Amino acid sequence: MSSLQEGPSIVDRVESIADGRPALIAVGGWALIEAVVFPVVPDVLLYALVVAAPRRVIHLLGAAIVGALVGSAILAAFVAVRPAEATSVVIALPAIDESTISATQSAIARDGLVAFAGFGPGTPLKVDTLAWTVDDRSPLLLVLGVVLNRVTRIGPGVLLMATTGLLAPRFVRRHARPLIVVYAAFWLALYAAYWS
């Protein structure tokens, strides 16, 4: 009598993906386009990869930071050359308007680089980059601001997911399907509330 062999679990497959270069490219690419025009944060992909492969946390978070730096540099260059057009592109995105940009400019004028920091949802990085560049501030300091933003905004969630993956791998594997449903529902609810 032959026994049926089970294939790799969902978590095993995600872990396998997280171990490869395509995951770094996907996270970095997502972070890049989100820093310019995409309205959904790379955390959506990053957290899922990190919970399945917590030992890859530094590589994956690093890819997100590098992607954000490249995207912010692209946006800053666009703003420097065509500030009105760049502002129009950013304002056309969900949950961003002129008052968002004005409030961010005020925060940067008051707090400098510290205005880039924050925990959880907040001003999109692209708005920080736009406000910083429109006010003709240092490109070198913009680099520090982008890193500060990604570490404070994405870092805590990455740490939580990596810790979960390290401390409760059996739970994650055993309950992968319902956890995926909860995870997807969380992001859908968050963006529905944020964009409304």
N, C-alpha and C. Protein backbone atom coordinates (compact mmCIF):
# COMPACT_ATOMS: atom_id res chain seq x y z
N MET A 1 0.85 -1.17 0.00
CA MET A 1 0.00 0.00 0.00
C MET A 1 0.89 1.24 0.00
N SER A 2 0.71 2.13 -0.97
CA SER A 2 1.54 3.32 -1.08
C SER A 2 0.92 4.47 -0.29
N SER A 3 1.76 5.22 0.34
CA SER A 3 1.25 6.37 1.10
C SER A 3 1.36 7.62 0.25
N LEU A 4 0.40 8.48 0.44
CA LEU A 4 0.41 9.75 -0.28
C LEU A 4 1.42 10.69 0.37
N GLN A 5 2.24 11.29 -0.45
CA GLN A 5 3.21 12.25 0.08
C GLN A 5 2.67 13.66 -0.11
N GLU A 6 2.78 14.40 0.96
CA GLU A 6 2.35 15.80 0.88
C GLU A 6 3.47 16.63 0.27
N GLY A 7 3.08 17.62 -0.54
CA GLY A 7 4.06 18.54 -1.11
C GLY A 7 4.46 19.59 -0.08
N PRO A 8 5.31 20.49 -0.48
CA PRO A 8 5.73 21.54 0.45
C PRO A 8 4.54 22.42 0.85
N SER A 9 4.57 22.88 2.09
CA SER A 9 3.49 23.75 2.58
C SER A 9 3.61 25.13 1.95
N ILE A 10 2.58 25.93 2.13
CA ILE A 10 2.59 27.31 1.64
C ILE A 10 3.77 28.06 2.24
N VAL A 11 4.00 27.88 3.53
CA VAL A 11 5.10 28.56 4.20
C VAL A 11 6.44 28.11 3.63
N ASP A 12 6.57 26.81 3.35
CA ASP A 12 7.80 26.30 2.74
C ASP A 12 8.04 26.95 1.38
N ARG A 13 6.99 27.09 0.61
CA ARG A 13 7.13 27.71 -0.72
C ARG A 13 7.52 29.18 -0.60
N VAL A 14 6.89 29.90 0.34
CA VAL A 14 7.24 31.31 0.54
C VAL A 14 8.67 31.44 1.04
N GLU A 15 9.06 30.54 1.93
CA GLU A 15 10.44 30.54 2.43
C GLU A 15 11.43 30.31 1.30
N SER A 16 11.10 29.39 0.41
CA SER A 16 11.96 29.11 -0.74
C SER A 16 12.09 30.35 -1.63
N ILE A 17 11.00 31.05 -1.82
CA ILE A 17 11.02 32.28 -2.62
C ILE A 17 11.88 33.34 -1.92
N ALA A 18 11.70 33.47 -0.60
CA ALA A 18 12.44 34.47 0.17
C ALA A 18 13.93 34.23 0.14
N ASP A 19 14.33 32.98 -0.04
CA ASP A 19 15.76 32.64 -0.06
C ASP A 19 16.46 33.06 -1.35
N GLY A 20 15.70 33.37 -2.38
CA GLY A 20 16.31 33.65 -3.68
C GLY A 20 16.44 35.13 -4.01
N ARG A 21 17.22 35.38 -5.04
CA ARG A 21 17.42 36.74 -5.54
C ARG A 21 16.13 37.37 -6.05
N PRO A 22 15.21 36.62 -6.67
CA PRO A 22 13.96 37.24 -7.13
C PRO A 22 13.18 37.94 -6.01
N ALA A 23 13.24 37.42 -4.78
CA ALA A 23 12.54 38.07 -3.67
C ALA A 23 13.16 39.43 -3.38
N LEU A 24 14.49 39.50 -3.41
CA LEU A 24 15.16 40.78 -3.19
C LEU A 24 14.80 41.78 -4.28
N ILE A 25 14.76 41.30 -5.52
CA ILE A 25 14.41 42.16 -6.65
C ILE A 25 12.96 42.62 -6.53
N ALA A 26 12.06 41.70 -6.15
CA ALA A 26 10.65 42.06 -6.01
C ALA A 26 10.44 43.09 -4.90
N VAL A 27 11.06 42.86 -3.74
CA VAL A 27 10.91 43.81 -2.63
C VAL A 27 11.54 45.15 -2.99
N GLY A 28 12.75 45.12 -3.54
CA GLY A 28 13.41 46.36 -3.93
C GLY A 28 12.66 47.11 -5.02
N GLY A 29 12.15 46.36 -6.01
CA GLY A 29 11.38 46.99 -7.08
C GLY A 29 10.09 47.60 -6.59
N TRP A 30 9.39 46.88 -5.72
CA TRP A 30 8.15 47.39 -5.14
C TRP A 30 8.45 48.66 -4.34
N ALA A 31 9.51 48.62 -3.53
CA ALA A 31 9.88 49.80 -2.73
C ALA A 31 10.23 50.98 -3.62
N LEU A 32 10.88 50.70 -4.74
CA LEU A 32 11.24 51.76 -5.68
C LEU A 32 9.99 52.43 -6.26
N ILE A 33 9.09 51.62 -6.81
CA ILE A 33 7.91 52.24 -7.44
C ILE A 33 6.98 52.88 -6.40
N GLU A 34 6.95 52.31 -5.19
CA GLU A 34 6.12 52.93 -4.13
C GLU A 34 6.69 54.28 -3.74
N ALA A 35 8.01 54.43 -3.77
CA ALA A 35 8.63 55.70 -3.41
C ALA A 35 8.37 56.79 -4.45
N VAL A 36 7.94 56.38 -5.64
CA VAL A 36 7.68 57.35 -6.71
C VAL A 36 6.18 57.55 -6.92
N VAL A 37 5.46 56.48 -7.26
CA VAL A 37 4.04 56.64 -7.61
C VAL A 37 3.09 55.57 -7.10
N PHE A 38 3.56 54.41 -6.74
CA PHE A 38 2.65 53.32 -6.38
C PHE A 38 2.05 53.58 -5.00
N PRO A 39 0.72 53.43 -4.85
CA PRO A 39 0.10 53.80 -3.58
C PRO A 39 0.04 52.71 -2.50
N VAL A 40 0.69 51.56 -2.73
CA VAL A 40 0.66 50.47 -1.75
C VAL A 40 2.08 50.17 -1.28
N VAL A 41 2.29 50.15 0.04
CA VAL A 41 3.63 49.98 0.60
C VAL A 41 4.19 48.58 0.35
N PRO A 42 5.52 48.46 0.25
CA PRO A 42 6.14 47.16 0.03
C PRO A 42 6.04 46.24 1.23
N ASP A 43 5.62 46.76 2.35
CA ASP A 43 5.43 45.97 3.57
C ASP A 43 4.54 44.76 3.30
N VAL A 44 3.58 44.92 2.41
CA VAL A 44 2.62 43.84 2.10
C VAL A 44 3.38 42.57 1.70
N LEU A 45 4.34 42.70 0.82
CA LEU A 45 5.16 41.56 0.40
C LEU A 45 6.24 41.25 1.42
N LEU A 46 6.89 42.27 1.91
CA LEU A 46 8.04 42.11 2.81
C LEU A 46 7.69 41.33 4.06
N TYR A 47 6.58 41.67 4.72
CA TYR A 47 6.20 41.00 5.96
C TYR A 47 5.93 39.51 5.73
N ALA A 48 5.27 39.20 4.62
CA ALA A 48 4.98 37.79 4.32
C ALA A 48 6.25 36.99 4.11
N LEU A 49 7.22 37.58 3.44
CA LEU A 49 8.49 36.89 3.21
C LEU A 49 9.27 36.72 4.51
N VAL A 50 9.26 37.74 5.34
CA VAL A 50 10.05 37.71 6.58
C VAL A 50 9.49 36.72 7.59
N VAL A 51 8.17 36.60 7.67
CA VAL A 51 7.61 35.64 8.64
C VAL A 51 7.95 34.21 8.23
N ALA A 52 8.04 33.96 6.94
CA ALA A 52 8.37 32.62 6.46
C ALA A 52 9.87 32.35 6.50
N ALA A 53 10.67 33.39 6.35
CA ALA A 53 12.14 33.23 6.32
C ALA A 53 12.79 34.31 7.18
N PRO A 54 12.62 34.22 8.50
CA PRO A 54 13.13 35.28 9.38
C PRO A 54 14.64 35.48 9.31
N ARG A 55 15.38 34.46 8.94
CA ARG A 55 16.84 34.62 8.85
C ARG A 55 17.24 35.53 7.68
N ARG A 56 16.30 35.82 6.79
CA ARG A 56 16.56 36.69 5.63
C ARG A 56 16.16 38.15 5.90
N VAL A 57 15.83 38.46 7.14
CA VAL A 57 15.29 39.78 7.48
C VAL A 57 16.21 40.91 7.06
N ILE A 58 17.49 40.82 7.33
CA ILE A 58 18.42 41.91 6.99
C ILE A 58 18.48 42.11 5.48
N HIS A 59 18.56 41.01 4.73
CA HIS A 59 18.63 41.11 3.28
C HIS A 59 17.36 41.74 2.70
N LEU A 60 16.21 41.27 3.17
CA LEU A 60 14.94 41.74 2.63
C LEU A 60 14.67 43.19 3.01
N LEU A 61 14.92 43.55 4.28
CA LEU A 61 14.75 44.95 4.69
C LEU A 61 15.75 45.83 3.96
N GLY A 62 16.96 45.34 3.78
CA GLY A 62 17.96 46.08 3.01
C GLY A 62 17.50 46.36 1.59
N ALA A 63 16.89 45.36 0.95
CA ALA A 63 16.37 45.54 -0.41
C ALA A 63 15.29 46.61 -0.44
N ALA A 64 14.43 46.63 0.59
CA ALA A 64 13.38 47.65 0.67
C ALA A 64 13.97 49.04 0.84
N ILE A 65 15.01 49.15 1.63
CA ILE A 65 15.64 50.46 1.84
C ILE A 65 16.35 50.93 0.58
N VAL A 66 17.09 50.03 -0.08
CA VAL A 66 17.78 50.40 -1.32
C VAL A 66 16.77 50.81 -2.39
N GLY A 67 15.69 50.04 -2.52
CA GLY A 67 14.65 50.40 -3.50
C GLY A 67 14.05 51.76 -3.20
N ALA A 68 13.79 52.04 -1.93
CA ALA A 68 13.23 53.34 -1.54
C ALA A 68 14.21 54.47 -1.83
N LEU A 69 15.49 54.23 -1.62
CA LEU A 69 16.51 55.26 -1.92
C LEU A 69 16.55 55.56 -3.41
N VAL A 70 16.53 54.52 -4.23
CA VAL A 70 16.56 54.72 -5.68
C VAL A 70 15.29 55.43 -6.15
N GLY A 71 14.14 54.97 -5.65
CA GLY A 71 12.88 55.61 -6.02
C GLY A 71 12.81 57.06 -5.58
N SER A 72 13.28 57.35 -4.38
CA SER A 72 13.28 58.73 -3.89
C SER A 72 14.23 59.60 -4.70
N ALA A 73 15.36 59.03 -5.13
CA ALA A 73 16.29 59.79 -5.99
C ALA A 73 15.64 60.12 -7.33
N ILE A 74 14.91 59.15 -7.88
CA ILE A 74 14.21 59.39 -9.15
C ILE A 74 13.17 60.50 -8.97
N LEU A 75 12.37 60.39 -7.91
CA LEU A 75 11.34 61.41 -7.68
C LEU A 75 11.98 62.77 -7.41
N ALA A 76 13.04 62.82 -6.62
CA ALA A 76 13.70 64.09 -6.32
C ALA A 76 14.25 64.74 -7.59
N ALA A 77 14.80 63.92 -8.49
CA ALA A 77 15.30 64.46 -9.76
C ALA A 77 14.15 65.02 -10.59
N PHE A 78 13.03 64.32 -10.61
CA PHE A 78 11.85 64.80 -11.33
C PHE A 78 11.35 66.11 -10.73
N VAL A 79 11.29 66.17 -9.41
CA VAL A 79 10.84 67.39 -8.72
C VAL A 79 11.78 68.55 -9.01
N ALA A 80 13.09 68.29 -9.00
CA ALA A 80 14.07 69.35 -9.24
C ALA A 80 13.93 69.95 -10.64
N VAL A 81 13.59 69.10 -11.62
CA VAL A 81 13.49 69.57 -13.00
C VAL A 81 12.09 70.09 -13.33
N ARG A 82 11.06 69.42 -12.83
CA ARG A 82 9.67 69.77 -13.14
C ARG A 82 8.82 69.74 -11.87
N PRO A 83 8.98 70.72 -10.99
CA PRO A 83 8.28 70.66 -9.70
C PRO A 83 6.75 70.66 -9.82
N ALA A 84 6.20 71.43 -10.73
CA ALA A 84 4.74 71.49 -10.86
C ALA A 84 4.19 70.16 -11.36
N GLU A 85 4.85 69.58 -12.36
CA GLU A 85 4.39 68.31 -12.91
C GLU A 85 4.54 67.19 -11.88
N ALA A 86 5.65 67.17 -11.17
CA ALA A 86 5.86 66.15 -10.15
C ALA A 86 4.82 66.25 -9.05
N THR A 87 4.51 67.47 -8.65
CA THR A 87 3.49 67.68 -7.62
C THR A 87 2.14 67.19 -8.11
N SER A 88 1.81 67.45 -9.38
CA SER A 88 0.54 66.99 -9.94
C SER A 88 0.44 65.47 -9.94
N VAL A 89 1.54 64.80 -10.26
CA VAL A 89 1.55 63.33 -10.28
C VAL A 89 1.30 62.80 -8.87
N VAL A 90 1.98 63.36 -7.87
CA VAL A 90 1.83 62.87 -6.50
C VAL A 90 0.43 63.18 -5.97
N ILE A 91 -0.10 64.36 -6.28
CA ILE A 91 -1.44 64.73 -5.80
C ILE A 91 -2.52 63.85 -6.43
N ALA A 92 -2.26 63.29 -7.60
CA ALA A 92 -3.24 62.43 -8.26
C ALA A 92 -3.40 61.08 -7.57
N LEU A 93 -2.50 60.74 -6.65
CA LEU A 93 -2.56 59.45 -5.96
C LEU A 93 -3.60 59.47 -4.85
N PRO A 94 -4.13 58.31 -4.48
CA PRO A 94 -5.14 58.24 -3.42
C PRO A 94 -4.62 58.80 -2.09
N ALA A 95 -5.49 59.51 -1.37
CA ALA A 95 -5.24 60.01 -0.02
C ALA A 95 -4.14 61.07 0.05
N ILE A 96 -3.80 61.67 -1.09
CA ILE A 96 -2.81 62.76 -1.10
C ILE A 96 -3.45 63.95 -1.79
N ASP A 97 -3.35 65.10 -1.14
CA ASP A 97 -3.83 66.34 -1.76
C ASP A 97 -2.87 67.47 -1.40
N GLU A 98 -3.20 68.67 -1.82
CA GLU A 98 -2.31 69.81 -1.56
C GLU A 98 -2.11 70.05 -0.07
N SER A 99 -3.15 69.80 0.72
CA SER A 99 -3.01 70.02 2.17
C SER A 99 -2.03 69.03 2.79
N THR A 100 -1.97 67.81 2.24
CA THR A 100 -1.00 66.82 2.72
C THR A 100 0.42 67.32 2.48
N ILE A 101 0.63 67.86 1.30
CA ILE A 101 1.97 68.36 0.94
C ILE A 101 2.31 69.59 1.79
N SER A 102 1.36 70.50 1.97
CA SER A 102 1.61 71.69 2.79
C SER A 102 1.93 71.31 4.23
N ALA A 103 1.17 70.37 4.79
CA ALA A 103 1.41 69.93 6.17
C ALA A 103 2.79 69.28 6.29
N THR A 104 3.19 68.54 5.28
CA THR A 104 4.50 67.90 5.30
C THR A 104 5.61 68.94 5.19
N GLN A 105 5.43 69.93 4.34
CA GLN A 105 6.42 71.01 4.25
C GLN A 105 6.56 71.74 5.59
N SER A 106 5.44 71.97 6.26
CA SER A 106 5.49 72.62 7.58
C SER A 106 6.22 71.75 8.60
N ALA A 107 5.94 70.45 8.57
CA ALA A 107 6.59 69.53 9.50
C ALA A 107 8.10 69.49 9.25
N ILE A 108 8.50 69.48 7.98
CA ILE A 108 9.93 69.46 7.65
C ILE A 108 10.59 70.78 8.05
N ALA A 109 9.90 71.91 7.83
CA ALA A 109 10.45 73.21 8.23
C ALA A 109 10.65 73.27 9.73
N ARG A 110 9.75 72.66 10.46
CA ARG A 110 9.81 72.68 11.93
C ARG A 110 10.79 71.65 12.49
N ASP A 111 10.75 70.43 11.94
CA ASP A 111 11.49 69.31 12.55
C ASP A 111 12.68 68.81 11.75
N GLY A 112 12.85 69.29 10.53
CA GLY A 112 13.95 68.81 9.69
C GLY A 112 13.81 67.33 9.38
N LEU A 113 14.92 66.61 9.47
CA LEU A 113 14.93 65.17 9.15
C LEU A 113 14.00 64.36 10.03
N VAL A 114 13.78 64.79 11.25
CA VAL A 114 12.93 64.05 12.18
C VAL A 114 11.51 63.89 11.60
N ALA A 115 11.11 64.81 10.73
CA ALA A 115 9.77 64.72 10.12
C ALA A 115 9.61 63.46 9.28
N PHE A 116 10.71 62.86 8.83
CA PHE A 116 10.63 61.63 8.05
C PHE A 116 10.28 60.42 8.91
N ALA A 117 10.56 60.50 10.20
CA ALA A 117 10.34 59.37 11.10
C ALA A 117 8.88 59.23 11.47
N GLY A 118 8.49 58.04 11.80
CA GLY A 118 7.12 57.79 12.23
C GLY A 118 6.89 56.31 12.33
N PHE A 119 5.92 55.92 13.11
CA PHE A 119 5.62 54.51 13.27
C PHE A 119 4.23 54.24 12.72
N GLY A 120 4.12 53.22 11.91
CA GLY A 120 2.83 52.85 11.34
C GLY A 120 2.45 53.76 10.17
N PRO A 121 1.19 53.71 9.78
CA PRO A 121 0.74 54.52 8.65
C PRO A 121 0.95 56.01 8.93
N GLY A 122 1.23 56.71 7.89
CA GLY A 122 1.46 58.15 8.02
C GLY A 122 1.66 58.75 6.65
N THR A 123 2.37 59.84 6.61
CA THR A 123 2.64 60.51 5.35
C THR A 123 3.46 59.59 4.44
N PRO A 124 3.02 59.39 3.21
CA PRO A 124 3.80 58.54 2.30
C PRO A 124 5.21 59.12 2.07
N LEU A 125 6.18 58.25 1.89
CA LEU A 125 7.55 58.66 1.65
C LEU A 125 7.65 59.60 0.46
N LYS A 126 6.86 59.35 -0.57
CA LYS A 126 6.92 60.19 -1.76
C LYS A 126 6.54 61.63 -1.46
N VAL A 127 5.64 61.83 -0.49
CA VAL A 127 5.26 63.19 -0.09
C VAL A 127 6.41 63.86 0.66
N ASP A 128 7.07 63.10 1.55
CA ASP A 128 8.25 63.63 2.23
C ASP A 128 9.32 64.04 1.23
N THR A 129 9.57 63.17 0.26
CA THR A 129 10.59 63.46 -0.76
C THR A 129 10.22 64.69 -1.57
N LEU A 130 8.97 64.78 -1.98
CA LEU A 130 8.50 65.94 -2.74
C LEU A 130 8.66 67.22 -1.92
N ALA A 131 8.16 67.22 -0.70
CA ALA A 131 8.23 68.41 0.15
C ALA A 131 9.67 68.82 0.42
N TRP A 132 10.53 67.84 0.67
CA TRP A 132 11.94 68.11 0.94
C TRP A 132 12.60 68.76 -0.27
N THR A 133 12.34 68.22 -1.45
CA THR A 133 13.01 68.68 -2.67
C THR A 133 12.45 70.00 -3.16
N VAL A 134 11.15 70.21 -3.04
CA VAL A 134 10.54 71.48 -3.45
C VAL A 134 11.14 72.63 -2.64
N ASP A 135 11.43 72.37 -1.38
CA ASP A 135 12.02 73.40 -0.53
C ASP A 135 13.53 73.52 -0.72
N ASP A 136 14.08 72.82 -1.73
CA ASP A 136 15.48 72.91 -2.11
C ASP A 136 16.42 72.58 -0.95
N ARG A 137 16.12 71.47 -0.29
CA ARG A 137 16.96 71.02 0.82
C ARG A 137 18.02 70.05 0.32
N SER A 138 18.97 69.74 1.16
CA SER A 138 20.13 68.93 0.80
C SER A 138 19.76 67.52 0.31
N PRO A 139 20.23 67.15 -0.90
CA PRO A 139 20.00 65.78 -1.38
C PRO A 139 20.68 64.74 -0.49
N LEU A 140 21.83 65.06 0.06
CA LEU A 140 22.52 64.13 0.93
C LEU A 140 21.71 63.85 2.19
N LEU A 141 21.11 64.89 2.75
CA LEU A 141 20.27 64.70 3.93
C LEU A 141 18.97 63.96 3.58
N LEU A 142 18.52 64.11 2.33
CA LEU A 142 17.35 63.35 1.89
C LEU A 142 17.63 61.85 2.01
N VAL A 143 18.83 61.43 1.67
CA VAL A 143 19.22 60.02 1.80
C VAL A 143 19.02 59.57 3.25
N LEU A 144 19.50 60.36 4.20
CA LEU A 144 19.33 60.02 5.62
C LEU A 144 17.85 59.99 6.01
N GLY A 145 17.08 60.93 5.47
CA GLY A 145 15.65 60.97 5.76
C GLY A 145 14.93 59.73 5.26
N VAL A 146 15.28 59.28 4.05
CA VAL A 146 14.65 58.08 3.48
C VAL A 146 14.98 56.86 4.34
N VAL A 147 16.24 56.72 4.73
CA VAL A 147 16.63 55.58 5.57
C VAL A 147 15.90 55.65 6.91
N LEU A 148 15.85 56.83 7.52
CA LEU A 148 15.14 57.01 8.79
C LEU A 148 13.67 56.63 8.64
N ASN A 149 13.06 57.05 7.54
CA ASN A 149 11.66 56.75 7.28
C ASN A 149 11.43 55.25 7.17
N ARG A 150 12.24 54.58 6.39
CA ARG A 150 12.05 53.14 6.17
C ARG A 150 12.32 52.34 7.45
N VAL A 151 13.33 52.75 8.20
CA VAL A 151 13.65 52.03 9.44
C VAL A 151 12.53 52.20 10.47
N THR A 152 12.01 53.42 10.61
CA THR A 152 10.97 53.65 11.63
C THR A 152 9.59 53.21 11.17
N ARG A 153 9.30 53.29 9.88
CA ARG A 153 7.97 52.92 9.39
C ARG A 153 7.85 51.43 9.12
N ILE A 154 8.86 50.84 8.49
CA ILE A 154 8.79 49.43 8.11
C ILE A 154 9.46 48.54 9.16
N GLY A 155 10.51 49.05 9.78
CA GLY A 155 11.31 48.26 10.72
C GLY A 155 10.52 47.56 11.81
N PRO A 156 9.63 48.26 12.54
CA PRO A 156 8.91 47.58 13.62
C PRO A 156 8.06 46.41 13.13
N GLY A 157 7.38 46.57 12.00
CA GLY A 157 6.58 45.48 11.45
C GLY A 157 7.44 44.31 11.01
N VAL A 158 8.58 44.61 10.41
CA VAL A 158 9.52 43.57 9.99
C VAL A 158 10.02 42.82 11.22
N LEU A 159 10.36 43.55 12.27
CA LEU A 159 10.84 42.93 13.50
C LEU A 159 9.76 42.03 14.11
N LEU A 160 8.53 42.50 14.13
CA LEU A 160 7.42 41.71 14.67
C LEU A 160 7.23 40.43 13.86
N MET A 161 7.23 40.55 12.54
CA MET A 161 7.01 39.37 11.70
C MET A 161 8.19 38.39 11.78
N ALA A 162 9.41 38.90 11.82
CA ALA A 162 10.57 38.02 11.95
C ALA A 162 10.55 37.30 13.29
N THR A 163 10.18 38.02 14.35
CA THR A 163 10.10 37.42 15.68
C THR A 163 9.03 36.33 15.70
N THR A 164 7.90 36.60 15.06
CA THR A 164 6.84 35.60 14.97
C THR A 164 7.34 34.35 14.24
N GLY A 165 8.03 34.57 13.13
CA GLY A 165 8.57 33.45 12.37
C GLY A 165 9.60 32.64 13.13
N LEU A 166 10.38 33.34 13.98
CA LEU A 166 11.39 32.64 14.78
C LEU A 166 10.80 31.90 15.97
N LEU A 167 9.86 32.55 16.66
CA LEU A 167 9.33 31.99 17.90
C LEU A 167 8.15 31.03 17.71
N ALA A 168 7.42 31.20 16.61
CA ALA A 168 6.23 30.37 16.43
C ALA A 168 6.14 29.77 15.02
N PRO A 169 7.22 29.14 14.54
CA PRO A 169 7.18 28.62 13.17
C PRO A 169 6.14 27.51 12.98
N ARG A 170 5.96 26.67 14.00
CA ARG A 170 4.96 25.60 13.88
C ARG A 170 3.56 26.17 13.78
N PHE A 171 3.27 27.18 14.60
CA PHE A 171 1.96 27.82 14.57
C PHE A 171 1.70 28.43 13.19
N VAL A 172 2.70 29.13 12.66
CA VAL A 172 2.56 29.76 11.34
C VAL A 172 2.31 28.70 10.28
N ARG A 173 3.04 27.59 10.32
CA ARG A 173 2.86 26.53 9.33
C ARG A 173 1.51 25.83 9.49
N ARG A 174 1.13 25.56 10.72
CA ARG A 174 -0.11 24.84 10.97
C ARG A 174 -1.34 25.66 10.57
N HIS A 175 -1.25 26.97 10.75
CA HIS A 175 -2.41 27.84 10.50
C HIS A 175 -2.18 28.77 9.31
N ALA A 176 -1.38 28.35 8.36
CA ALA A 176 -0.99 29.23 7.25
C ALA A 176 -2.19 29.77 6.48
N ARG A 177 -3.13 28.90 6.12
CA ARG A 177 -4.26 29.37 5.30
C ARG A 177 -5.12 30.41 6.01
N PRO A 178 -5.57 30.17 7.25
CA PRO A 178 -6.34 31.23 7.90
C PRO A 178 -5.51 32.50 8.16
N LEU A 179 -4.22 32.33 8.41
CA LEU A 179 -3.37 33.50 8.61
C LEU A 179 -3.27 34.34 7.34
N ILE A 180 -3.23 33.68 6.19
CA ILE A 180 -3.20 34.40 4.91
C ILE A 180 -4.49 35.20 4.73
N VAL A 181 -5.61 34.60 5.08
CA VAL A 181 -6.90 35.30 4.96
C VAL A 181 -6.92 36.52 5.88
N VAL A 182 -6.47 36.34 7.12
CA VAL A 182 -6.44 37.46 8.08
C VAL A 182 -5.48 38.54 7.59
N TYR A 183 -4.34 38.12 7.08
CA TYR A 183 -3.33 39.05 6.58
C TYR A 183 -3.88 39.88 5.42
N ALA A 184 -4.50 39.22 4.46
CA ALA A 184 -5.09 39.92 3.32
C ALA A 184 -6.21 40.86 3.77
N ALA A 185 -7.05 40.39 4.69
CA ALA A 185 -8.15 41.22 5.19
C ALA A 185 -7.61 42.45 5.91
N PHE A 186 -6.53 42.28 6.67
CA PHE A 186 -5.91 43.40 7.37
C PHE A 186 -5.48 44.49 6.39
N TRP A 187 -4.75 44.09 5.34
CA TRP A 187 -4.27 45.08 4.38
C TRP A 187 -5.41 45.72 3.59
N LEU A 188 -6.40 44.92 3.22
CA LEU A 188 -7.55 45.48 2.50
C LEU A 188 -8.30 46.49 3.37
N ALA A 189 -8.53 46.15 4.63
CA ALA A 189 -9.22 47.07 5.54
C ALA A 189 -8.41 48.33 5.78
N LEU A 190 -7.09 48.17 5.96
CA LEU A 190 -6.23 49.32 6.20
C LEU A 190 -6.27 50.29 5.03
N TYR A 191 -6.15 49.77 3.81
CA TYR A 191 -6.16 50.66 2.66
C TYR A 191 -7.55 51.21 2.36
N ALA A 192 -8.58 50.45 2.63
CA ALA A 192 -9.94 50.98 2.45
C ALA A 192 -10.16 52.16 3.37
N ALA A 193 -9.70 52.05 4.61
CA ALA A 193 -9.85 53.15 5.58
C ALA A 193 -8.95 54.32 5.19
N TYR A 194 -7.72 54.04 4.80
CA TYR A 194 -6.75 55.09 4.48
C TYR A 194 -7.17 55.88 3.25
N TRP A 195 -7.67 55.18 2.22
CA TRP A 195 -8.04 55.86 0.98
C TRP A 195 -9.40 56.53 1.03
N SER A 196 -10.21 56.20 2.07
CA SER A 196 -11.57 56.75 2.06
C SER A 196 -11.58 58.15 2.56
